[in-house]
Protein backbone atom coordinates (compact mmCIF):
# COMPACT_ATOMS: atom_id res chain seq x y z
CA THR A 1 -8.59 0.42 19.32
CA HIS A 2 -5.88 0.31 16.65
CA ALA A 3 -2.67 1.90 16.76
CA PHE A 4 -1.03 2.94 13.61
CA ARG A 5 1.98 5.33 13.29
CA LEU A 6 1.58 7.66 10.49
CA GLU A 7 4.15 10.45 9.54
CA PRO A 8 3.45 13.30 7.15
CA VAL A 9 5.33 13.32 4.03
CA ALA A 10 6.38 16.38 1.95
CA GLU A 11 7.47 14.39 -1.06
CA LEU A 12 6.85 10.84 -2.01
CA THR A 13 10.30 9.26 -3.08
CA SER A 14 10.30 6.25 -5.72
CA GLY A 15 10.68 2.83 -4.28
CA ARG A 16 9.14 3.67 -1.04
CA LEU A 17 5.47 3.03 0.12
CA TYR A 18 3.46 5.89 2.37
CA LEU A 19 0.48 5.04 4.41
CA SER A 20 -2.24 7.55 5.65
CA ARG A 21 -5.80 7.75 7.02
CA SER A 22 -8.14 7.98 4.15
CA GLY A 23 -11.02 9.59 6.46
CA VAL A 24 -13.42 6.34 6.57
CA PRO A 25 -13.31 4.29 9.33
CA GLY A 26 -11.75 0.89 8.41
CA GLU A 27 -9.90 2.32 5.62
CA LEU A 28 -6.31 3.60 4.82
CA MET A 29 -4.51 5.12 1.75
CA LEU A 30 -1.58 3.41 0.41
CA ARG A 31 0.50 5.67 -2.24
CA PHE A 32 3.59 4.96 -3.97
CA VAL A 33 5.38 6.35 -7.50
CA ALA A 34 4.59 3.97 -10.01
CA LEU A 35 7.12 3.91 -13.36
CA ARG A 36 5.22 4.34 -16.38
CA GLY A 37 4.43 0.96 -18.33
CA VAL A 38 5.29 -1.07 -15.11
CA THR A 39 2.81 -3.47 -13.44
CA TYR A 40 2.42 -3.67 -9.88
CA GLN A 41 0.57 -5.97 -7.47
CA ILE A 42 -0.34 -4.84 -3.91
CA GLU A 43 -0.17 -7.48 -1.68
CA ALA A 44 -1.17 -7.74 2.17
CA ALA A 45 -0.17 -9.86 4.97
CA ALA A 46 -1.69 -9.95 8.73
CA ASP A 47 1.81 -10.73 10.03
CA LEU A 48 5.40 -11.02 8.82
CA VAL A 49 6.34 -14.54 10.53
CA SER A 50 4.12 -16.68 7.96
CA ALA A 51 4.91 -14.28 5.25
CA ASN A 52 1.45 -15.37 3.53
CA TRP A 53 1.39 -12.64 1.18
CA GLN A 54 -2.30 -12.19 -0.65
CA PRO A 55 -2.89 -10.11 -3.80
CA LEU A 56 -5.08 -7.13 -2.76
CA GLY A 57 -7.08 -5.96 -5.67
CA ASN A 58 -6.29 -6.03 -9.64
CA PRO A 59 -2.69 -5.54 -10.82
CA ILE A 60 -1.74 -1.59 -11.70
CA THR A 61 -0.10 -0.38 -14.22
CA GLY A 62 2.31 2.85 -13.72
CA SER A 63 1.27 5.98 -15.30
CA GLY A 64 4.79 7.58 -14.13
CA GLY A 65 3.10 9.56 -11.26
CA ILE A 66 1.84 8.73 -7.60
CA ILE A 67 -0.56 5.64 -7.34
CA THR A 68 -3.25 5.99 -4.64
CA VAL A 69 -5.14 2.86 -3.51
CA ARG A 70 -7.63 2.49 -0.53
CA VAL A 71 -6.92 -0.45 1.54
CA PRO A 72 -8.97 -2.42 4.32
CA GLN A 73 -7.74 -1.60 7.81
CA SER A 74 -8.68 -4.93 9.31
CA GLY A 75 -7.63 -6.43 12.45
CA GLU A 76 -5.11 -4.62 15.21
CA ARG A 77 -2.10 -4.63 12.43
CA GLY A 78 -1.39 -5.13 8.78
CA PHE A 79 1.22 -5.13 6.37
CA TRP A 80 1.23 -4.09 2.67
CA ARG A 81 3.94 -4.46 -0.13
CA VAL A 82 3.99 -3.31 -3.66
CA VAL A 83 5.60 -6.04 -6.16
CA GLU A 84 6.72 -5.58 -9.44
CA LEU A 85 5.26 -7.70 -11.92
CA PRO A 86 7.38 -9.14 -14.86
């Protein structure tokens, strides 16, 4: 059994990352507000101690709206972040 705390969000806020169930087993949906023309990379890590962040998929260019990405749910826990690329 995997335990994740998911909280409903009425409005997405810039600079925050939101995680929700996708409805597909083994998959979550990650949402964030992306600035138009800015390129982002989603990264994943199994834990925060080693800080071994790995790219997840290809870079994404923002459109000035909400970006939604499906991410795999593997293991008992996972950590994700969105990094702004130069």
